[in-house]
C-alpha atoms as a PDB file:
ATOM      1  CA  UNK A   1     134.056  56.033 137.268  1.00  0.00           C
ATOM      2  CA  UNK A   2     134.504  52.792 135.380  1.00  0.00           C
ATOM      3  CA  UNK A   3     137.656  52.015 133.403  1.00  0.00           C
ATOM      4  CA  UNK A   4     137.866  53.341 129.854  1.00  0.00           C
ATOM      5  CA  UNK A   5     140.798  53.594 127.472  1.00  0.00           C
ATOM      6  CA  UNK A   6     140.661  54.949 123.917  1.00  0.00           C
ATOM      7  CA  UNK A   7     142.755  54.641 120.785  1.00  0.00           C
ATOM      8  CA  UNK A   8     142.177  56.205 117.388  1.00  0.00           C
ATOM      9  CA  UNK A   9     139.531  53.640 116.400  1.00  0.00           C
ATOM     10  CA  UNK A  10     138.770  51.709 119.574  1.00  0.00           C
ATOM     11  CA  UNK A  11     137.382  52.099 123.076  1.00  0.00           C
ATOM     12  CA  UNK A  12     138.323  49.603 125.794  1.00  0.00           C
ATOM     13  CA  UNK A  13     135.973  49.321 128.760  1.00  0.00           C
ATOM     14  CA  UNK A  14     135.006  46.894 131.493  1.00  0.00           C
ATOM     15  CA  UNK A  15     132.715  44.048 130.515  1.00  0.00           C
ATOM     16  CA  UNK A  16     129.268  44.401 132.056  1.00  0.00           C
ATOM     17  CA  UNK A  17     126.558  41.893 132.905  1.00  0.00           C
ATOM     18  CA  UNK A  18     123.327  43.096 131.332  1.00  0.00           C
ATOM     19  CA  UNK A  19     125.192  44.497 128.348  1.00  0.00           C
ATOM     20  CA  UNK A  20     127.814  42.093 127.027  1.00  0.00           C
ATOM     21  CA  UNK A  21     126.457  38.559 127.392  1.00  0.00           C
ATOM     22  CA  UNK A  22     125.473  38.103 123.716  1.00  0.00           C
ATOM     23  CA  UNK A  23     128.856  39.361 122.520  1.00  0.00           C
ATOM     24  CA  UNK A  24     130.782  37.160 124.986  1.00  0.00           C
ATOM     25  CA  UNK A  25     128.685  34.114 124.019  1.00  0.00           C
ATOM     26  CA  UNK A  26     129.444  34.693 120.330  1.00  0.00           C
ATOM     27  CA  UNK A  27     133.184  35.381 120.761  1.00  0.00           C
ATOM     28  CA  UNK A  28     133.893  32.484 123.124  1.00  0.00           C
ATOM     29  CA  UNK A  29     132.278  30.012 120.712  1.00  0.00           C
ATOM     30  CA  UNK A  30     133.973  31.076 117.495  1.00  0.00           C
ATOM     31  CA  UNK A  31     136.289  28.496 115.923  1.00  0.00           C
ATOM     32  CA  UNK A  32     139.393  30.659 116.346  1.00  0.00           C
ATOM     33  CA  UNK A  33     138.738  31.254 120.050  1.00  0.00           C
ATOM     34  CA  UNK A  34     138.107  27.568 120.706  1.00  0.00           C
ATOM     35  CA  UNK A  35     141.213  26.522 118.728  1.00  0.00           C
ATOM     36  CA  UNK A  36     143.658  29.160 119.986  1.00  0.00           C
ATOM     37  CA  UNK A  37     142.447  29.956 123.498  1.00  0.00           C
ATOM     38  CA  UNK A  38     140.237  27.091 124.569  1.00  0.00           C
ATOM     39  CA  UNK A  39     136.706  26.090 125.388  1.00  0.00           C
ATOM     40  CA  UNK A  40     135.409  28.088 128.348  1.00  0.00           C
ATOM     41  CA  UNK A  41     132.191  26.054 128.473  1.00  0.00           C
ATOM     42  CA  UNK A  42     129.995  29.089 127.810  1.00  0.00           C
ATOM     43  CA  UNK A  43     126.900  27.844 125.969  1.00  0.00           C
ATOM     44  CA  UNK A  44     124.164  30.338 126.851  1.00  0.00           C
ATOM     45  CA  UNK A  45     123.612  33.881 128.113  1.00  0.00           C
ATOM     46  CA  UNK A  46     123.644  32.758 131.759  1.00  0.00           C
ATOM     47  CA  UNK A  47     127.026  31.130 131.168  1.00  0.00           C
ATOM     48  CA  UNK A  48     128.276  34.330 129.534  1.00  0.00           C
ATOM     49  CA  UNK A  49     127.135  36.330 132.576  1.00  0.00           C
ATOM     50  CA  UNK A  50     128.995  33.905 134.870  1.00  0.00           C
ATOM     51  CA  UNK A  51     132.116  34.197 132.684  1.00  0.00           C
ATOM     52  CA  UNK A  52     132.001  38.020 132.926  1.00  0.00           C
ATOM     53  CA  UNK A  53     131.515  37.984 136.720  1.00  0.00           C
ATOM     54  CA  UNK A  54     133.921  35.169 137.600  1.00  0.00           C
ATOM     55  CA  UNK A  55     136.638  35.980 135.046  1.00  0.00           C
ATOM     56  CA  UNK A  56     137.133  39.619 134.061  1.00  0.00           C
ATOM     57  CA  UNK A  57     134.853  40.979 136.808  1.00  0.00           C
ATOM     58  CA  UNK A  58     136.768  39.141 139.510  1.00  0.00           C
ATOM     59  CA  UNK A  59     140.072  40.348 138.026  1.00  0.00           C
ATOM     60  CA  UNK A  60     138.907  43.984 137.998  1.00  0.00           C
ATOM     61  CA  UNK A  61     138.080  43.693 141.697  1.00  0.00           C
ATOM     62  CA  UNK A  62     141.275  41.847 142.698  1.00  0.00           C
ATOM     63  CA  UNK A  63     143.857  43.437 140.397  1.00  0.00           C
ATOM     64  CA  UNK A  64     142.387  46.663 139.045  1.00  0.00           C
ATOM     65  CA  UNK A  65     142.662  45.255 135.520  1.00  0.00           C
ATOM     66  CA  UNK A  66     141.517  42.317 133.426  1.00  0.00           C
ATOM     67  CA  UNK A  67     140.204  41.573 129.956  1.00  0.00           C
ATOM     68  CA  UNK A  68     138.261  44.562 128.670  1.00  0.00           C
ATOM     69  CA  UNK A  69     135.635  44.784 125.952  1.00  0.00           C
ATOM     70  CA  UNK A  70     137.031  46.415 122.811  1.00  0.00           C
ATOM     71  CA  UNK A  71     134.480  48.492 120.918  1.00  0.00           C
ATOM     72  CA  UNK A  72     134.716  49.961 117.442  1.00  0.00           C
ATOM     73  CA  UNK A  73     134.258  53.687 118.149  1.00  0.00           C
ATOM     74  CA  UNK A  74     132.558  54.232 114.773  1.00  0.00           C
ATOM     75  CA  UNK A  75     129.778  51.718 115.475  1.00  0.00           C
ATOM     76  CA  UNK A  76     129.852  51.326 119.257  1.00  0.00           C
ATOM     77  CA  UNK A  77     129.793  47.563 118.741  1.00  0.00           C
ATOM     78  CA  UNK A  78     132.117  45.235 120.676  1.00  0.00           C
ATOM     79  CA  UNK A  79     134.633  43.545 118.382  1.00  0.00           C
ATOM     80  CA  UNK A  80     136.916  41.778 120.847  1.00  0.00           C
ATOM     81  CA  UNK A  81     138.599  41.524 124.217  1.00  0.00           C
ATOM     82  CA  UNK A  82     142.017  42.819 125.206  1.00  0.00           C
ATOM     83  CA  UNK A  83     143.672  43.345 128.549  1.00  0.00           C
ATOM     84  CA  UNK A  84     145.997  42.230 131.290  1.00  0.00           C
ATOM     85  CA  UNK A  85     145.692  38.919 133.116  1.00  0.00           C
ATOM     86  CA  UNK A  86     147.325  37.815 136.358  1.00  0.00           C
ATOM     87  CA  UNK A  87     147.643  34.025 136.306  1.00  0.00           C
ATOM     88  CA  UNK A  88     148.833  31.956 139.232  1.00  0.00           C
ATOM     89  CA  UNK A  89     150.904  29.845 136.823  1.00  0.00           C
ATOM     90  CA  UNK A  90     152.952  32.747 135.393  1.00  0.00           C
ATOM     91  CA  UNK A  91     155.508  34.891 137.205  1.00  0.00           C
ATOM     92  CA  UNK A  92     154.459  38.078 135.378  1.00  0.00           C
ATOM     93  CA  UNK A  93     151.161  39.610 134.231  1.00  0.00           C
ATOM     94  CA  UNK A  94     150.336  38.649 130.661  1.00  0.00           C
ATOM     95  CA  UNK A  95     148.578  40.423 127.848  1.00  0.00           C
ATOM     96  CA  UNK A  96     145.641  38.661 126.252  1.00  0.00           C
ATOM     97  CA  UNK A  97     143.278  39.388 123.404  1.00  0.00           C
ATOM     98  CA  UNK A  98     140.664  37.781 121.199  1.00  0.00           C
ATOM     99  CA  UNK A  99     138.694  39.348 118.369  1.00  0.00           C
ATOM    100  CA  UNK A 100     135.694  38.337 116.329  1.00  0.00           C
ATOM    101  CA  UNK A 101     136.696  36.554 113.145  1.00  0.00           C
ATOM    102  CA  UNK A 102     134.605  39.078 111.192  1.00  0.00           C
ATOM    103  CA  UNK A 103     137.120  41.853 112.042  1.00  0.00           C
ATOM    104  CA  UNK A 104     140.323  39.857 111.416  1.00  0.00           C
ATOM    105  CA  UNK A 105     143.017  41.714 109.498  1.00  0.00           C
ATOM    106  CA  UNK A 106     141.969  45.226 110.526  1.00  0.00           C
ATOM    107  CA  UNK A 107     144.829  45.718 112.996  1.00  0.00           C
ATOM    108  CA  UNK A 108     142.541  45.884 116.025  1.00  0.00           C
ATOM    109  CA  UNK A 109     144.596  43.408 118.079  1.00  0.00           C
ATOM    110  CA  UNK A 110     147.756  45.472 117.558  1.00  0.00           C
ATOM    111  CA  UNK A 111     146.009  48.807 118.202  1.00  0.00           C
ATOM    112  CA  UNK A 112     144.278  47.617 121.373  1.00  0.00           C
ATOM    113  CA  UNK A 113     147.378  45.707 122.467  1.00  0.00           C
ATOM    114  CA  UNK A 114     149.587  48.790 122.207  1.00  0.00           C
ATOM    115  CA  UNK A 115     147.165  50.706 124.448  1.00  0.00           C
ATOM    116  CA  UNK A 116     147.081  47.810 126.934  1.00  0.00           C
ATOM    117  CA  UNK A 117     150.892  47.582 127.003  1.00  0.00           C
ATOM    118  CA  UNK A 118     151.171  51.338 127.634  1.00  0.00           C
ATOM    119  CA  UNK A 119     148.528  51.144 130.364  1.00  0.00           C
ATOM    120  CA  UNK A 120     150.335  48.217 131.994  1.00  0.00           C
ATOM    121  CA  UNK A 121     153.632  50.063 132.065  1.00  0.00           C
ATOM    122  CA  UNK A 122     152.491  53.633 132.768  1.00  0.00           C
ATOM    123  CA  UNK A 123     149.483  53.111 135.046  1.00  0.00           C
ATOM    124  CA  UNK A 124     149.938  49.678 136.632  1.00  0.00           C
ATOM    125  CA  UNK A 125     153.742  50.033 136.810  1.00  0.00           C
ATOM    126  CA  UNK A 126     154.637  46.718 135.211  1.00  0.00           C
ATOM    127  CA  UNK A 127     158.234  46.402 134.063  1.00  0.00           C
ATOM    128  CA  UNK A 128     157.715  43.021 132.399  1.00  0.00           C
ATOM    129  CA  UNK A 129     154.647  41.823 130.521  1.00  0.00           C
ATOM    130  CA  UNK A 130     154.470  38.332 129.053  1.00  0.00           C
ATOM    131  CA  UNK A 131     152.190  36.456 126.679  1.00  0.00           C
ATOM    132  CA  UNK A 132     151.387  32.889 125.735  1.00  0.00           C
ATOM    133  CA  UNK A 133     150.014  31.468 122.495  1.00  0.00           C
ATOM    134  CA  UNK A 134     149.303  28.081 121.057  1.00  0.00           C
ATOM    135  CA  UNK A 135     152.276  26.721 119.079  1.00  0.00           C
ATOM    136  CA  UNK A 136     150.621  27.231 115.680  1.00  0.00           C
ATOM    137  CA  UNK A 137     149.065  30.670 116.262  1.00  0.00           C
ATOM    138  CA  UNK A 138     151.472  32.572 114.026  1.00  0.00           C
ATOM    139  CA  UNK A 139     149.138  35.571 113.611  1.00  0.00           C
ATOM    140  CA  UNK A 140     149.089  36.157 117.362  1.00  0.00           C
ATOM    141  CA  UNK A 141     152.862  35.805 117.487  1.00  0.00           C
ATOM    142  CA  UNK A 142     153.220  38.528 114.850  1.00  0.00           C
ATOM    143  CA  UNK A 143     150.960  40.840 116.898  1.00  0.00           C
ATOM    144  CA  UNK A 144     153.015  40.224 120.032  1.00  0.00           C
ATOM    145  CA  UNK A 145     156.248  40.989 118.179  1.00  0.00           C
ATOM    146  CA  UNK A 146     154.736  44.260 116.872  1.00  0.00           C
ATOM    147  CA  UNK A 147     153.943  45.086 120.511  1.00  0.00           C
ATOM    148  CA  UNK A 148     157.604  44.636 121.457  1.00  0.00           C
ATOM    149  CA  UNK A 149     157.459  41.166 122.989  1.00  0.00           C
ATOM    150  CA  UNK A 150     160.052  38.591 121.998  1.00  0.00           C
ATOM    151  CA  UNK A 151     159.676  34.828 121.708  1.00  0.00           C
ATOM    152  CA  UNK A 152     161.453  33.299 124.711  1.00  0.00           C
ATOM    153  CA  UNK A 153     160.771  29.598 124.194  1.00  0.00           C
ATOM    154  CA  UNK A 154     158.172  26.943 124.864  1.00  0.00           C
ATOM    155  CA  UNK A 155     156.654  26.437 128.309  1.00  0.00           C
ATOM    156  CA  UNK A 156     154.329  23.852 129.762  1.00  0.00           C
ATOM    157  CA  UNK A 157     151.604  25.346 131.924  1.00  0.00           C
ATOM    158  CA  UNK A 158     149.825  23.028 134.372  1.00  0.00           C
ATOM    159  CA  UNK A 159     146.481  24.318 133.062  1.00  0.00           C
ATOM    160  CA  UNK A 160     147.240  23.421 129.404  1.00  0.00           C
ATOM    161  CA  UNK A 161     147.409  20.058 127.651  1.00  0.00           C
ATOM    162  CA  UNK A 162     150.194  21.123 125.292  1.00  0.00           C
ATOM    163  CA  UNK A 163     153.158  23.473 125.429  1.00  0.00           C
ATOM    164  CA  UNK A 164     152.661  27.179 124.749  1.00  0.00           C
ATOM    165  CA  UNK A 165     154.836  29.738 123.036  1.00  0.00           C
ATOM    166  CA  UNK A 166     156.121  32.176 125.668  1.00  0.00           C
ATOM    167  CA  UNK A 167     156.800  35.830 124.852  1.00  0.00           C
ATOM    168  CA  UNK A 168     158.413  38.429 127.122  1.00  0.00           C
ATOM    169  CA  UNK A 169     158.545  42.234 126.885  1.00  0.00           C
ATOM    170  CA  UNK A 170     161.970  43.846 126.966  1.00  0.00           C
END
Protein backbone atom coordinates (compact mmCIF):
# COMPACT_ATOMS: atom_id res chain seq x y z
CA UNK A 1 0.00 0.00 0.00
CA UNK A 2 1.22 3.47 -0.86
CA UNK A 3 1.77 6.14 1.79
CA UNK A 4 -1.25 8.19 2.86
CA UNK A 5 -1.74 10.52 5.80
CA UNK A 6 -4.91 12.48 6.57
CA UNK A 7 -5.82 15.56 8.57
CA UNK A 8 -9.21 17.18 9.02
CA UNK A 9 -9.10 18.89 5.62
CA UNK A 10 -6.12 17.38 3.82
CA UNK A 11 -4.77 14.11 2.45
CA UNK A 12 -1.02 13.65 1.98
CA UNK A 13 0.08 10.99 -0.50
CA UNK A 14 3.05 10.07 -2.66
CA UNK A 15 3.49 12.02 -5.87
CA UNK A 16 2.85 9.87 -8.93
CA UNK A 17 4.02 10.10 -12.53
CA UNK A 18 0.97 9.94 -14.76
CA UNK A 19 -1.10 11.85 -12.23
CA UNK A 20 0.75 14.85 -10.82
CA UNK A 21 2.86 16.35 -13.61
CA UNK A 22 0.51 19.28 -14.38
CA UNK A 23 0.24 20.20 -10.70
CA UNK A 24 4.02 19.97 -10.15
CA UNK A 25 4.68 22.06 -13.28
CA UNK A 26 2.31 24.77 -12.03
CA UNK A 27 3.57 24.82 -8.42
CA UNK A 28 7.28 24.82 -9.25
CA UNK A 29 6.85 27.81 -11.57
CA UNK A 30 4.80 30.07 -9.32
CA UNK A 31 6.50 33.30 -8.24
CA UNK A 32 6.50 32.36 -4.55
CA UNK A 33 8.12 28.97 -5.19
CA UNK A 34 10.79 30.49 -7.42
CA UNK A 35 11.50 33.31 -4.93
CA UNK A 36 11.44 31.29 -1.70
CA UNK A 37 12.59 27.82 -2.73
CA UNK A 38 14.34 28.19 -6.05
CA UNK A 39 14.14 27.39 -9.72
CA UNK A 40 14.10 23.63 -10.26
CA UNK A 41 14.30 24.04 -14.04
CA UNK A 42 10.96 22.31 -14.62
CA UNK A 43 9.47 23.83 -17.78
CA UNK A 44 7.24 21.10 -19.21
CA UNK A 45 5.38 17.92 -18.27
CA UNK A 46 8.41 15.73 -19.04
CA UNK A 47 10.48 17.86 -16.67
CA UNK A 48 7.78 17.53 -14.01
CA UNK A 49 7.84 13.74 -14.42
CA UNK A 50 11.64 13.76 -14.01
CA UNK A 51 11.32 15.96 -10.90
CA UNK A 52 8.81 13.51 -9.35
CA UNK A 53 10.99 10.46 -10.12
CA UNK A 54 14.39 11.93 -9.27
CA UNK A 55 13.33 14.03 -6.27
CA UNK A 56 10.43 12.77 -4.15
CA UNK A 57 10.30 9.34 -5.83
CA UNK A 58 13.97 8.71 -5.15
CA UNK A 59 13.53 9.87 -1.54
CA UNK A 60 10.57 7.51 -0.99
CA UNK A 61 12.73 4.62 -2.17
CA UNK A 62 15.86 5.59 -0.20
CA UNK A 63 14.37 7.01 3.00
CA UNK A 64 10.75 5.87 3.21
CA UNK A 65 9.65 9.51 3.14
CA UNK A 66 9.91 12.62 1.01
CA UNK A 67 7.76 15.49 -0.20
CA UNK A 68 4.17 14.34 -0.53
CA UNK A 69 1.31 15.78 -2.55
CA UNK A 70 -1.19 17.57 -0.32
CA UNK A 71 -4.78 17.30 -1.54
CA UNK A 72 -7.83 19.21 -0.39
CA UNK A 73 -10.12 16.37 0.77
CA UNK A 74 -13.24 18.34 -0.23
CA UNK A 75 -12.18 18.67 -3.88
CA UNK A 76 -9.55 15.96 -4.30
CA UNK A 77 -7.32 18.55 -5.96
CA UNK A 78 -3.63 18.89 -5.06
CA UNK A 79 -2.91 22.21 -3.35
CA UNK A 80 0.72 21.80 -2.29
CA UNK A 81 3.63 19.67 -1.18
CA UNK A 82 4.69 18.86 2.37
CA UNK A 83 7.04 16.29 3.80
CA UNK A 84 10.41 15.30 5.16
CA UNK A 85 13.67 15.74 3.28
CA UNK A 86 17.07 14.20 3.99
CA UNK A 87 19.75 16.52 2.62
CA UNK A 88 23.43 15.70 2.54
CA UNK A 89 24.20 19.26 3.67
CA UNK A 90 22.13 19.11 6.89
CA UNK A 91 22.79 16.98 9.97
CA UNK A 92 19.08 16.32 10.58
CA UNK A 93 16.03 15.62 8.39
CA UNK A 94 14.16 18.81 7.53
CA UNK A 95 10.53 19.59 6.97
CA UNK A 96 9.59 21.25 3.71
CA UNK A 97 6.42 22.55 2.15
CA UNK A 98 5.13 24.66 -0.71
CA UNK A 99 1.54 25.54 -1.55
CA UNK A 100 -0.20 27.09 -4.51
CA UNK A 101 -0.56 30.84 -4.12
CA UNK A 102 -4.30 30.45 -4.72
CA UNK A 103 -4.69 28.69 -1.33
CA UNK A 104 -2.46 31.03 0.72
CA UNK A 105 -3.86 32.01 4.10
CA UNK A 106 -6.03 28.93 4.61
CA UNK A 107 -3.72 27.32 7.18
CA UNK A 108 -2.86 24.36 4.95
CA UNK A 109 0.90 24.64 5.53
CA UNK A 110 0.41 24.51 9.31
CA UNK A 111 -2.15 21.69 9.15
CA UNK A 112 -0.06 19.53 6.81
CA UNK A 113 3.13 20.45 8.66
CA UNK A 114 1.73 19.32 12.01
CA UNK A 115 0.86 15.93 10.49
CA UNK A 116 4.33 15.66 8.94
CA UNK A 117 6.02 16.55 12.24
CA UNK A 118 3.96 13.92 14.08
CA UNK A 119 4.74 11.34 11.40
CA UNK A 120 8.45 12.16 11.60
CA UNK A 121 8.53 11.72 15.36
CA UNK A 122 6.08 8.84 15.84
CA UNK A 123 6.66 6.72 12.72
CA UNK A 124 10.16 7.59 11.49
CA UNK A 125 11.52 8.05 15.04
CA UNK A 126 13.15 11.43 14.53
CA UNK A 127 14.06 13.28 17.71
CA UNK A 128 15.14 16.45 15.90
CA UNK A 129 13.60 17.97 12.79
CA UNK A 130 15.00 21.13 11.23
CA UNK A 131 13.93 23.60 8.57
CA UNK A 132 15.46 26.25 6.37
CA UNK A 133 13.90 29.33 4.79
CA UNK A 134 15.04 32.29 2.80
CA UNK A 135 15.92 35.26 5.03
CA UNK A 136 12.82 37.27 4.06
CA UNK A 137 10.22 34.47 4.12
CA UNK A 138 8.49 35.62 7.29
CA UNK A 139 5.27 33.69 6.55
CA UNK A 140 7.17 30.40 6.45
CA UNK A 141 8.96 31.31 9.66
CA UNK A 142 5.62 31.86 11.39
CA UNK A 143 4.42 28.42 10.21
CA UNK A 144 7.58 26.77 11.52
CA UNK A 145 7.18 28.46 14.90
CA UNK A 146 3.55 27.24 15.09
CA UNK A 147 4.92 23.74 14.43
CA UNK A 148 7.24 24.04 17.43
CA UNK A 149 10.50 24.85 15.66
CA UNK A 150 12.66 27.68 16.94
CA UNK A 151 14.90 30.03 14.98
CA UNK A 152 18.49 28.95 15.65
CA UNK A 153 20.43 31.38 13.46
CA UNK A 154 21.64 31.86 9.92
CA UNK A 155 23.52 29.14 8.05
CA UNK A 156 25.27 29.02 4.71
CA UNK A 157 24.52 25.88 2.74
CA UNK A 158 26.91 24.94 -0.07
CA UNK A 159 23.92 24.50 -2.39
CA UNK A 160 22.57 28.05 -1.79
CA UNK A 161 23.85 31.42 -2.97
CA UNK A 162 22.76 33.24 0.19
CA UNK A 163 22.40 32.38 3.86
CA UNK A 164 19.25 30.64 5.10
CA UNK A 165 17.30 30.94 8.31
CA UNK A 166 17.76 27.73 10.30
CA UNK A 167 15.03 26.37 12.58
CA UNK A 168 15.29 23.42 14.97
CA UNK A 169 12.60 21.40 16.77
CA UNK A 170 12.89 21.12 20.53
